[in-house]
PDB file of N, CA and C in Angstrom:
ATOM      1  N   MET A   1       0.854  -1.171   0.000  1.00  0.00           N
ATOM      2  CA  MET A   1       0.000   0.000   0.000  1.00  0.00           C
ATOM      3  C   MET A   1       0.898   1.231   0.000  1.00  0.00           C
ATOM      4  N   SER A   2       0.565   2.187  -0.824  1.00  0.00           N
ATOM      5  CA  SER A   2       1.394   3.381  -0.920  1.00  0.00           C
ATOM      6  C   SER A   2       1.039   4.386   0.169  1.00  0.00           C
ATOM      7  N   THR A   3       1.976   5.253   0.444  1.00  0.00           N
ATOM      8  CA  THR A   3       1.776   6.298   1.445  1.00  0.00           C
ATOM      9  C   THR A   3       0.624   7.199   1.051  1.00  0.00           C
ATOM     10  N   GLN A   4       0.494   7.483  -0.233  1.00  0.00           N
ATOM     11  CA  GLN A   4      -0.569   8.365  -0.715  1.00  0.00           C
ATOM     12  C   GLN A   4      -1.952   7.788  -0.413  1.00  0.00           C
ATOM     13  N   ILE A   5      -2.108   6.484  -0.592  1.00  0.00           N
ATOM     14  CA  ILE A   5      -3.401   5.847  -0.306  1.00  0.00           C
ATOM     15  C   ILE A   5      -3.722   5.954   1.179  1.00  0.00           C
ATOM     16  N   ILE A   6      -2.701   5.749   2.004  1.00  0.00           N
ATOM     17  CA  ILE A   6      -2.908   5.857   3.456  1.00  0.00           C
ATOM     18  C   ILE A   6      -3.310   7.279   3.823  1.00  0.00           C
ATOM     19  N   ILE A   7      -2.642   8.264   3.246  1.00  0.00           N
ATOM     20  CA  ILE A   7      -2.962   9.669   3.529  1.00  0.00           C
ATOM     21  C   ILE A   7      -4.393   9.983   3.108  1.00  0.00           C
ATOM     22  N   GLU A   8      -4.805   9.479   1.951  1.00  0.00           N
ATOM     23  CA  GLU A   8      -6.176   9.706   1.489  1.00  0.00           C
ATOM     24  C   GLU A   8      -7.184   9.101   2.467  1.00  0.00           C
ATOM     25  N   LYS A   9      -6.880   7.921   2.956  1.00  0.00           N
ATOM     26  CA  LYS A   9      -7.780   7.282   3.920  1.00  0.00           C
ATOM     27  C   LYS A   9      -7.821   8.065   5.227  1.00  0.00           C
ATOM     28  N   LEU A  10      -6.673   8.576   5.653  1.00  0.00           N
ATOM     29  CA  LEU A  10      -6.634   9.371   6.881  1.00  0.00           C
ATOM     30  C   LEU A  10      -7.460  10.648   6.736  1.00  0.00           C
ATOM     31  N   ASN A  11      -7.399  11.243   5.566  1.00  0.00           N
ATOM     32  CA  ASN A  11      -8.158  12.473   5.326  1.00  0.00           C
ATOM     33  C   ASN A  11      -9.661  12.251   5.396  1.00  0.00           C
ATOM     34  N   ASP A  12     -10.115  11.021   5.213  1.00  0.00           N
ATOM     35  CA  ASP A  12     -11.537  10.709   5.274  1.00  0.00           C
ATOM     36  C   ASP A  12     -12.030  10.460   6.700  1.00  0.00           C
ATOM     37  N   LEU A  13     -11.110  10.316   7.635  1.00  0.00           N
ATOM     38  CA  LEU A  13     -11.495  10.012   9.017  1.00  0.00           C
ATOM     39  C   LEU A  13     -11.890  11.276   9.775  1.00  0.00           C
ATOM     40  N   PRO A  14     -12.825  11.137  10.712  1.00  0.00           N
ATOM     41  CA  PRO A  14     -13.137  12.275  11.584  1.00  0.00           C
ATOM     42  C   PRO A  14     -11.967  12.529  12.541  1.00  0.00           C
ATOM     43  N   PRO A  15     -11.813  13.756  13.001  1.00  0.00           N
ATOM     44  CA  PRO A  15     -10.658  14.120  13.850  1.00  0.00           C
ATOM     45  C   PRO A  15     -10.478  13.221  15.069  1.00  0.00           C
ATOM     46  N   GLU A  16     -11.561  12.802  15.709  1.00  0.00           N
ATOM     47  CA  GLU A  16     -11.411  11.977  16.916  1.00  0.00           C
ATOM     48  C   GLU A  16     -10.816  10.607  16.601  1.00  0.00           C
ATOM     49  N   LYS A  17     -10.981  10.120  15.377  1.00  0.00           N
ATOM     50  CA  LYS A  17     -10.397   8.834  14.996  1.00  0.00           C
ATOM     51  C   LYS A  17      -8.901   8.963  14.709  1.00  0.00           C
ATOM     52  N   LEU A  18      -8.457  10.156  14.369  1.00  0.00           N
ATOM     53  CA  LEU A  18      -7.033  10.362  14.092  1.00  0.00           C
ATOM     54  C   LEU A  18      -6.184  10.124  15.334  1.00  0.00           C
ATOM     55  N   THR A  19      -6.745  10.392  16.500  1.00  0.00           N
ATOM     56  CA  THR A  19      -6.039  10.121  17.751  1.00  0.00           C
ATOM     57  C   THR A  19      -5.800   8.629  17.908  1.00  0.00           C
ATOM     58  N   GLU A  20      -6.793   7.827  17.556  1.00  0.00           N
ATOM     59  CA  GLU A  20      -6.640   6.372  17.622  1.00  0.00           C
ATOM     60  C   GLU A  20      -5.572   5.899  16.637  1.00  0.00           C
ATOM     61  N   VAL A  21      -5.582   6.480  15.456  1.00  0.00           N
ATOM     62  CA  VAL A  21      -4.580   6.119  14.444  1.00  0.00           C
ATOM     63  C   VAL A  21      -3.186   6.474  14.960  1.00  0.00           C
ATOM     64  N   GLU A  22      -3.048   7.636  15.538  1.00  0.00           N
ATOM     65  CA  GLU A  22      -1.746   8.057  16.072  1.00  0.00           C
ATOM     66  C   GLU A  22      -1.285   7.106  17.171  1.00  0.00           C
ATOM     67  N   ASP A  23      -2.193   6.707  18.050  1.00  0.00           N
ATOM     68  CA  ASP A  23      -1.840   5.762  19.111  1.00  0.00           C
ATOM     69  C   ASP A  23      -1.375   4.436  18.525  1.00  0.00           C
ATOM     70  N   PHE A  24      -2.058   3.971  17.490  1.00  0.00           N
ATOM     71  CA  PHE A  24      -1.684   2.708  16.871  1.00  0.00           C
ATOM     72  C   PHE A  24      -0.321   2.818  16.185  1.00  0.00           C
ATOM     73  N   VAL A  25      -0.070   3.930  15.531  1.00  0.00           N
ATOM     74  CA  VAL A  25       1.238   4.143  14.885  1.00  0.00           C
ATOM     75  C   VAL A  25       2.328   4.156  15.950  1.00  0.00           C
ATOM     76  N   ASP A  26       2.083   4.801  17.062  1.00  0.00           N
ATOM     77  CA  ASP A  26       3.066   4.804  18.160  1.00  0.00           C
ATOM     78  C   ASP A  26       3.324   3.389  18.652  1.00  0.00           C
ATOM     79  N   PHE A  27       2.252   2.595  18.783  1.00  0.00           N
ATOM     80  CA  PHE A  27       2.399   1.204  19.200  1.00  0.00           C
ATOM     81  C   PHE A  27       3.266   0.432  18.197  1.00  0.00           C
ATOM     82  N   LEU A  28       2.994   0.581  16.911  1.00  0.00           N
ATOM     83  CA  LEU A  28       3.768  -0.123  15.886  1.00  0.00           C
ATOM     84  C   LEU A  28       5.235   0.298  15.909  1.00  0.00           C
ATOM     85  N   ARG A  29       5.488   1.576  16.093  1.00  0.00           N
ATOM     86  CA  ARG A  29       6.872   2.059  16.149  1.00  0.00           C
ATOM     87  C   ARG A  29       7.601   1.479  17.348  1.00  0.00           C
ATOM     88  N   GLU A  30       6.935   1.434  18.492  1.00  0.00           N
ATOM     89  CA  GLU A  30       7.556   0.886  19.701  1.00  0.00           C
ATOM     90  C   GLU A  30       7.810  -0.606  19.541  1.00  0.00           C
ATOM     91  N   ARG A  31       6.848  -1.319  18.979  1.00  0.00           N
ATOM     92  CA  ARG A  31       7.029  -2.746  18.769  1.00  0.00           C
ATOM     93  C   ARG A  31       8.180  -3.011  17.806  1.00  0.00           C
ATOM     94  N   THR A  32       8.278  -2.234  16.755  1.00  0.00           N
ATOM     95  CA  THR A  32       9.373  -2.379  15.798  1.00  0.00           C
ATOM     96  C   THR A  32      10.709  -2.110  16.479  1.00  0.00           C
ATOM     97  N   ARG A  33      10.751  -1.073  17.308  1.00  0.00           N
ATOM     98  CA  ARG A  33      11.986  -0.758  18.038  1.00  0.00           C
ATOM     99  C   ARG A  33      12.367  -1.911  18.949  1.00  0.00           C
ATOM    100  N   ARG A  34      11.377  -2.456  19.657  1.00  0.00           N
ATOM    101  CA  ARG A  34      11.623  -3.563  20.573  1.00  0.00           C
ATOM    102  C   ARG A  34      12.116  -4.805  19.812  1.00  0.00           C
ATOM    103  N   GLU A  35      11.507  -5.070  18.670  1.00  0.00           N
ATOM    104  CA  GLU A  35      11.929  -6.220  17.864  1.00  0.00           C
ATOM    105  C   GLU A  35      13.360  -6.046  17.375  1.00  0.00           C
ATOM    106  N   GLN A  36      13.732  -4.825  17.016  1.00  0.00           N
ATOM    107  CA  GLN A  36      15.093  -4.571  16.560  1.00  0.00           C
ATOM    108  C   GLN A  36      16.095  -4.778  17.695  1.00  0.00           C
ATOM    109  N   VAL A  37      15.730  -4.329  18.883  1.00  0.00           N
ATOM    110  CA  VAL A  37      16.605  -4.512  20.043  1.00  0.00           C
ATOM    111  C   VAL A  37      16.739  -5.997  20.353  1.00  0.00           C
ATOM    112  N   GLU A  38      15.631  -6.713  20.357  1.00  0.00           N
ATOM    113  CA  GLU A  38      15.674  -8.151  20.638  1.00  0.00           C
ATOM    114  C   GLU A  38      16.488  -8.896  19.585  1.00  0.00           C
ATOM    115  N   SER A  39      16.330  -8.521  18.341  1.00  0.00           N
ATOM    116  CA  SER A  39      17.074  -9.165  17.261  1.00  0.00           C
ATOM    117  C   SER A  39      18.568  -8.903  17.404  1.00  0.00           C
ATOM    118  N   ALA A  40      18.920  -7.694  17.755  1.00  0.00           N
ATOM    119  CA  ALA A  40      20.330  -7.334  17.896  1.00  0.00           C
ATOM    120  C   ALA A  40      20.972  -8.039  19.083  1.00  0.00           C
ATOM    121  N   SER A  41      20.188  -8.309  20.125  1.00  0.00           N
ATOM    122  CA  SER A  41      20.745  -8.931  21.320  1.00  0.00           C
ATOM    123  C   SER A  41      20.601 -10.448  21.335  1.00  0.00           C
ATOM    124  N   ALA A  42      19.985 -10.981  20.298  1.00  0.00           N
ATOM    125  CA  ALA A  42      19.785 -12.437  20.244  1.00  0.00           C
ATOM    126  C   ALA A  42      21.123 -13.151  20.136  1.00  0.00           C
ATOM    127  N   THR A  43      21.235 -14.275  20.805  1.00  0.00           N
ATOM    128  CA  THR A  43      22.478 -15.047  20.736  1.00  0.00           C
ATOM    129  C   THR A  43      22.438 -16.010  19.577  1.00  0.00           C
ATOM    130  N   ALA A  44      23.553 -16.585  19.255  1.00  0.00           N
ATOM    131  CA  ALA A  44      23.641 -17.516  18.134  1.00  0.00           C
ATOM    132  C   ALA A  44      23.201 -18.918  18.535  1.00  0.00           C
ATOM    133  N   SER A  45      22.877 -19.100  19.808  1.00  0.00           N
ATOM    134  CA  SER A  45      22.471 -20.437  20.251  1.00  0.00           C
ATOM    135  C   SER A  45      21.139 -20.826  19.640  1.00  0.00           C
ATOM    136  N   THR A  46      20.939 -22.107  19.486  1.00  0.00           N
ATOM    137  CA  THR A  46      19.699 -22.616  18.920  1.00  0.00           C
ATOM    138  C   THR A  46      18.635 -22.613  19.997  1.00  0.00           C
ATOM    139  N   ALA A  47      17.494 -22.065  19.661  1.00  0.00           N
ATOM    140  CA  ALA A  47      16.400 -21.995  20.622  1.00  0.00           C
ATOM    141  C   ALA A  47      15.737 -23.353  20.741  1.00  0.00           C
ATOM    142  N   SER A  48      15.314 -23.669  21.930  1.00  0.00           N
ATOM    143  CA  SER A  48      14.590 -24.926  22.133  1.00  0.00           C
ATOM    144  C   SER A  48      13.174 -24.778  21.595  1.00  0.00           C
ATOM    145  N   ALA A  49      12.476 -25.879  21.483  1.00  0.00           N
ATOM    146  CA  ALA A  49      11.095 -25.845  20.989  1.00  0.00           C
ATOM    147  C   ALA A  49      10.230 -24.969  21.885  1.00  0.00           C
ATOM    148  N   HIS A  50      10.545 -24.953  23.184  1.00  0.00           N
ATOM    149  CA  HIS A  50       9.776 -24.132  24.120  1.00  0.00           C
ATOM    150  C   HIS A  50       9.944 -22.646  23.836  1.00  0.00           C
ATOM    151  N   ASP A  51      11.121 -22.251  23.343  1.00  0.00           N
ATOM    152  CA  ASP A  51      11.412 -20.843  23.109  1.00  0.00           C
ATOM    153  C   ASP A  51      10.830 -20.314  21.810  1.00  0.00           C
ATOM    154  N   LYS A  52      10.379 -21.201  20.936  1.00  0.00           N
ATOM    155  CA  LYS A  52       9.862 -20.749  19.657  1.00  0.00           C
ATOM    156  C   LYS A  52       8.501 -20.089  19.868  1.00  0.00           C
ATOM    157  N   PRO A  53       8.297 -18.922  19.224  1.00  0.00           N
ATOM    158  CA  PRO A  53       7.003 -18.265  19.389  1.00  0.00           C
ATOM    159  C   PRO A  53       5.884 -19.091  18.757  1.00  0.00           C
ATOM    160  N   ARG A  54       4.760 -19.067  19.375  1.00  0.00           N
ATOM    161  CA  ARG A  54       3.606 -19.780  18.848  1.00  0.00           C
ATOM    162  C   ARG A  54       2.850 -18.853  17.914  1.00  0.00           C
ATOM    163  N   THR A  55       2.322 -19.411  16.861  1.00  0.00           N
ATOM    164  CA  THR A  55       1.566 -18.605  15.917  1.00  0.00           C
ATOM    165  C   THR A  55       0.153 -19.147  15.807  1.00  0.00           C
ATOM    166  N   VAL A  56      -0.743 -18.270  15.475  1.00  0.00           N
ATOM    167  CA  VAL A  56      -2.141 -18.617  15.280  1.00  0.00           C
ATOM    168  C   VAL A  56      -2.553 -18.064  13.928  1.00  0.00           C
ATOM    169  N   ASP A  57      -3.146 -18.904  13.084  1.00  0.00           N
ATOM    170  CA  ASP A  57      -3.623 -18.437  11.791  1.00  0.00           C
ATOM    171  C   ASP A  57      -4.973 -17.767  12.003  1.00  0.00           C
ATOM    172  N   LEU A  58      -4.953 -16.446  12.053  1.00  0.00           N
ATOM    173  CA  LEU A  58      -6.168 -15.695  12.330  1.00  0.00           C
ATOM    174  C   LEU A  58      -7.194 -15.838  11.211  1.00  0.00           C
ATOM    175  N   ARG A  59      -6.729 -16.052   9.989  1.00  0.00           N
ATOM    176  CA  ARG A  59      -7.663 -16.239   8.880  1.00  0.00           C
ATOM    177  C   ARG A  59      -8.522 -17.470   9.111  1.00  0.00           C
ATOM    178  N   GLU A  60      -7.918 -18.526   9.671  1.00  0.00           N
ATOM    179  CA  GLU A  60      -8.695 -19.735   9.967  1.00  0.00           C
ATOM    180  C   GLU A  60      -9.774 -19.458  11.008  1.00  0.00           C
ATOM    181  N   LEU A  61      -9.541 -18.454  11.833  1.00  0.00           N
ATOM    182  CA  LEU A  61     -10.512 -18.095  12.866  1.00  0.00           C
ATOM    183  C   LEU A  61     -11.499 -17.046  12.378  1.00  0.00           C
ATOM    184  N   GLY A  62     -11.366 -16.667  11.101  1.00  0.00           N
ATOM    185  CA  GLY A  62     -12.284 -15.678  10.529  1.00  0.00           C
ATOM    186  C   GLY A  62     -11.987 -14.257  10.940  1.00  0.00           C
ATOM    187  N   ILE A  63     -10.737 -13.978  11.303  1.00  0.00           N
ATOM    188  CA  ILE A  63     -10.346 -12.640  11.736  1.00  0.00           C
ATOM    189  C   ILE A  63      -9.584 -11.965  10.600  1.00  0.00           C
ATOM    190  N   SER A  64     -10.074 -10.806  10.165  1.00  0.00           N
ATOM    191  CA  SER A  64      -9.456 -10.080   9.061  1.00  0.00           C
ATOM    192  C   SER A  64      -8.207  -9.338   9.540  1.00  0.00           C
ATOM    193  N   LYS A  65      -7.428  -8.822   8.597  1.00  0.00           N
ATOM    194  CA  LYS A  65      -6.238  -8.044   8.948  1.00  0.00           C
ATOM    195  C   LYS A  65      -6.619  -6.819   9.775  1.00  0.00           C
ATOM    196  N   GLU A  66      -7.715  -6.178   9.395  1.00  0.00           N
ATOM    197  CA  GLU A  66      -8.158  -4.987  10.125  1.00  0.00           C
ATOM    198  C   GLU A  66      -8.553  -5.337  11.555  1.00  0.00           C
ATOM    199  N   GLU A  67      -9.280  -6.455  11.703  1.00  0.00           N
ATOM    200  CA  GLU A  67      -9.678  -6.892  13.044  1.00  0.00           C
ATOM    201  C   GLU A  67      -8.464  -7.294  13.871  1.00  0.00           C
ATOM    202  N   ALA A  68      -7.489  -7.931  13.232  1.00  0.00           N
ATOM    203  CA  ALA A  68      -6.267  -8.316  13.937  1.00  0.00           C
ATOM    204  C   ALA A  68      -5.512  -7.086  14.415  1.00  0.00           C
ATOM    205  N   ALA A  69      -5.439  -6.065  13.562  1.00  0.00           N
ATOM    206  CA  ALA A  69      -4.761  -4.831  13.949  1.00  0.00           C
ATOM    207  C   ALA A  69      -5.458  -4.187  15.142  1.00  0.00           C
ATOM    208  N   GLU A  70      -6.774  -4.193  15.124  1.00  0.00           N
ATOM    209  CA  GLU A  70      -7.540  -3.637  16.244  1.00  0.00           C
ATOM    210  C   GLU A  70      -7.299  -4.442  17.524  1.00  0.00           C
ATOM    211  N   LEU A  71      -7.273  -5.762  17.412  1.00  0.00           N
ATOM    212  CA  LEU A  71      -6.989  -6.605  18.576  1.00  0.00           C
ATOM    213  C   LEU A  71      -5.599  -6.327  19.133  1.00  0.00           C
ATOM    214  N   ARG A  72      -4.600  -6.254  18.228  1.00  0.00           N
ATOM    215  CA  ARG A  72      -3.235  -5.964  18.679  1.00  0.00           C
ATOM    216  C   ARG A  72      -3.182  -4.633  19.412  1.00  0.00           C
ATOM    217  N   PHE A  73      -3.862  -3.642  18.858  1.00  0.00           N
ATOM    218  CA  PHE A  73      -3.870  -2.323  19.477  1.00  0.00           C
ATOM    219  C   PHE A  73      -4.502  -2.370  20.858  1.00  0.00           C
ATOM    220  N   ARG A  74      -5.653  -3.029  20.966  1.00  0.00           N
ATOM    221  CA  ARG A  74      -6.353  -3.088  22.255  1.00  0.00           C
ATOM    222  C   ARG A  74      -5.580  -3.896  23.296  1.00  0.00           C
ATOM    223  N   LEU A  75      -4.906  -4.939  22.852  1.00  0.00           N
ATOM    224  CA  LEU A  75      -4.177  -5.798  23.791  1.00  0.00           C
ATOM    225  C   LEU A  75      -2.768  -5.299  24.086  1.00  0.00           C
ATOM    226  N   SER A  76      -2.317  -4.306  23.349  1.00  0.00           N
ATOM    227  CA  SER A  76      -0.944  -3.814  23.532  1.00  0.00           C
ATOM    228  C   SER A  76      -0.691  -3.289  24.936  1.00  0.00           C
ATOM    229  N   THR A  77      -1.731  -2.837  25.614  1.00  0.00           N
ATOM    230  CA  THR A  77      -1.541  -2.328  26.970  1.00  0.00           C
ATOM    231  C   THR A  77      -1.098  -3.424  27.938  1.00  0.00           C
ATOM    232  N   PHE A  78      -1.342  -4.688  27.582  1.00  0.00           N
ATOM    233  CA  PHE A  78      -0.963  -5.805  28.438  1.00  0.00           C
ATOM    234  C   PHE A  78       0.420  -6.375  28.090  1.00  0.00           C
ATOM    235  N   ALA A  79       1.001  -5.933  26.986  1.00  0.00           N
ATOM    236  CA  ALA A  79       2.239  -6.536  26.474  1.00  0.00           C
ATOM    237  C   ALA A  79       3.364  -6.519  27.502  1.00  0.00           C
ATOM    238  N   GLU A  80       3.533  -5.423  28.195  1.00  0.00           N
ATOM    239  CA  GLU A  80       4.631  -5.340  29.171  1.00  0.00           C
ATOM    240  C   GLU A  80       4.498  -6.415  30.241  1.00  0.00           C
ATOM    241  N   ASP A  81       3.290  -6.640  30.723  1.00  0.00           N
ATOM    242  CA  ASP A  81       3.074  -7.692  31.723  1.00  0.00           C
ATOM    243  C   ASP A  81       3.303  -9.078  31.136  1.00  0.00           C
ATOM    244  N   TRP A  82       2.780  -9.325  29.936  1.00  0.00           N
ATOM    245  CA  TRP A  82       2.902 -10.653  29.326  1.00  0.00           C
ATOM    246  C   TRP A  82       4.345 -11.024  29.035  1.00  0.00           C
ATOM    247  N   GLU A  83       5.171 -10.025  28.750  1.00  0.00           N
ATOM    248  CA  GLU A  83       6.547 -10.299  28.354  1.00  0.00           C
ATOM    249  C   GLU A  83       7.505 -10.441  29.537  1.00  0.00           C
ATOM    250  N   ARG A  84       6.999 -10.317  30.735  1.00  0.00           N
ATOM    251  CA  ARG A  84       7.836 -10.482  31.918  1.00  0.00           C
ATOM    252  C   ARG A  84       8.236 -11.953  32.045  1.00  0.00           C
ATOM    253  N   PRO A  85       9.487 -12.236  32.422  1.00  0.00           N
ATOM    254  CA  PRO A  85       9.957 -13.623  32.512  1.00  0.00           C
ATOM    255  C   PRO A  85       9.092 -14.515  33.402  1.00  0.00           C
ATOM    256  N   GLU A  86       8.587 -13.980  34.496  1.00  0.00           N
ATOM    257  CA  GLU A  86       7.805 -14.812  35.403  1.00  0.00           C
ATOM    258  C   GLU A  86       6.454 -15.235  34.804  1.00  0.00           C
ATOM    259  N   MET A  87       6.069 -14.623  33.706  1.00  0.00           N
ATOM    260  CA  MET A  87       4.822 -14.996  33.045  1.00  0.00           C
ATOM    261  C   MET A  87       4.992 -16.196  32.112  1.00  0.00           C
ATOM    262  N   ASP A  88       6.239 -16.635  31.892  1.00  0.00           N
ATOM    263  CA  ASP A  88       6.497 -17.770  31.012  1.00  0.00           C
ATOM    264  C   ASP A  88       5.802 -19.046  31.477  1.00  0.00           C
ATOM    265  N   ILE A  89       5.557 -19.137  32.770  1.00  0.00           N
ATOM    266  CA  ILE A  89       4.910 -20.347  33.293  1.00  0.00           C
ATOM    267  C   ILE A  89       3.545 -20.566  32.643  1.00  0.00           C
ATOM    268  N   TYR A  90       2.894 -19.492  32.218  1.00  0.00           N
ATOM    269  CA  TYR A  90       1.577 -19.619  31.602  1.00  0.00           C
ATOM    270  C   TYR A  90       1.647 -20.085  30.152  1.00  0.00           C
ATOM    271  N   ASP A  91       2.843 -20.085  29.549  1.00  0.00           N
ATOM    272  CA  ASP A  91       2.985 -20.564  28.177  1.00  0.00           C
ATOM    273  C   ASP A  91       2.610 -22.036  28.074  1.00  0.00           C
ATOM    274  N   ASP A  92       2.947 -22.806  29.094  1.00  0.00           N
ATOM    275  CA  ASP A  92       2.626 -24.228  29.138  1.00  0.00           C
ATOM    276  C   ASP A  92       1.847 -24.514  30.420  1.00  0.00           C
ATOM    277  N   TYR A  93       0.777 -23.786  30.598  1.00  0.00           N
ATOM    278  CA  TYR A  93       0.030 -23.827  31.845  1.00  0.00           C
ATOM    279  C   TYR A  93      -0.383 -25.242  32.238  1.00  0.00           C
ATOM    280  N   ASP A  94      -0.969 -25.980  31.297  1.00  0.00           N
ATOM    281  CA  ASP A  94      -1.470 -27.318  31.627  1.00  0.00           C
ATOM    282  C   ASP A  94      -0.345 -28.250  32.079  1.00  0.00           C
ATOM    283  N   ILE A  95       0.785 -28.192  31.391  1.00  0.00           N
ATOM    284  CA  ILE A  95       1.929 -29.038  31.763  1.00  0.00           C
ATOM    285  C   ILE A  95       2.461 -28.643  33.140  1.00  0.00           C
ATOM    286  N   ASN A  96       2.615 -27.327  33.361  1.00  0.00           N
ATOM    287  CA  ASN A  96       3.136 -26.858  34.634  1.00  0.00           C
ATOM    288  C   ASN A  96       2.178 -27.167  35.785  1.00  0.00           C
ATOM    289  N   LYS A  97       0.885 -27.059  35.541  1.00  0.00           N
ATOM    290  CA  LYS A  97      -0.108 -27.360  36.583  1.00  0.00           C
ATOM    291  C   LYS A  97      -0.058 -28.852  36.922  1.00  0.00           C
ATOM    292  N   ALA A  98       0.024 -29.692  35.893  1.00  0.00           N
ATOM    293  CA  ALA A  98       0.101 -31.142  36.127  1.00  0.00           C
ATOM    294  C   ALA A  98       1.343 -31.496  36.923  1.00  0.00           C
ATOM    295  N   THR A  99       2.461 -30.833  36.633  1.00  0.00           N
ATOM    296  CA  THR A  99       3.712 -31.081  37.371  1.00  0.00           C
ATOM    297  C   THR A  99       3.549 -30.694  38.835  1.00  0.00           C
ATOM    298  N   LEU A 100       2.930 -29.542  39.084  1.00  0.00           N
ATOM    299  CA  LEU A 100       2.697 -29.104  40.466  1.00  0.00           C
ATOM    300  C   LEU A 100       1.733 -30.048  41.179  1.00  0.00           C
ATOM    301  N   ASP A 101       0.686 -30.474  40.482  1.00  0.00           N
ATOM    302  CA  ASP A 101      -0.293 -31.392  41.090  1.00  0.00           C
ATOM    303  C   ASP A 101       0.368 -32.731  41.444  1.00  0.00           C
ATOM    304  N   ALA A 102       1.286 -33.175  40.602  1.00  0.00           N
ATOM    305  CA  ALA A 102       1.965 -34.451  40.847  1.00  0.00           C
ATOM    306  C   ALA A 102       2.853 -34.363  42.083  1.00  0.00           C
ATOM    307  N   LYS A 103       3.387 -33.179  42.372  1.00  0.00           N
ATOM    308  CA  LYS A 103       4.253 -32.994  43.540  1.00  0.00           C
ATOM    309  C   LYS A 103       3.435 -32.899  44.823  1.00  0.00           C
ATOM    310  N   SER A 104       2.152 -32.632  44.718  1.00  0.00           N
ATOM    311  CA  SER A 104       1.307 -32.464  45.908  1.00  0.00           C
ATOM    312  C   SER A 104       0.923 -33.778  46.529  1.00  0.00           C
TER     313      SER A 104
END
């Protein structure tokens, strides 16, 4: 998509929606910055299967690109909490819960 098309679409939005667009652009810029930092600091070691990011095919769930962008924007406020190391236990919640239950 060209910049001109985006500008034309922005010009069609009411002023109050431009604030939402600006917030989303800020979110994308911050995420891009964070990804660049993470990429630069990544080690050459091979990641284990546990470390590989999980993906979900949103199209299979009937979620459009626009809806996905809106979801990312709305959920971005939780990203800092989700990315904390101590939250990793929830990545494999069922396995970790079963392990704890077995120790009880």
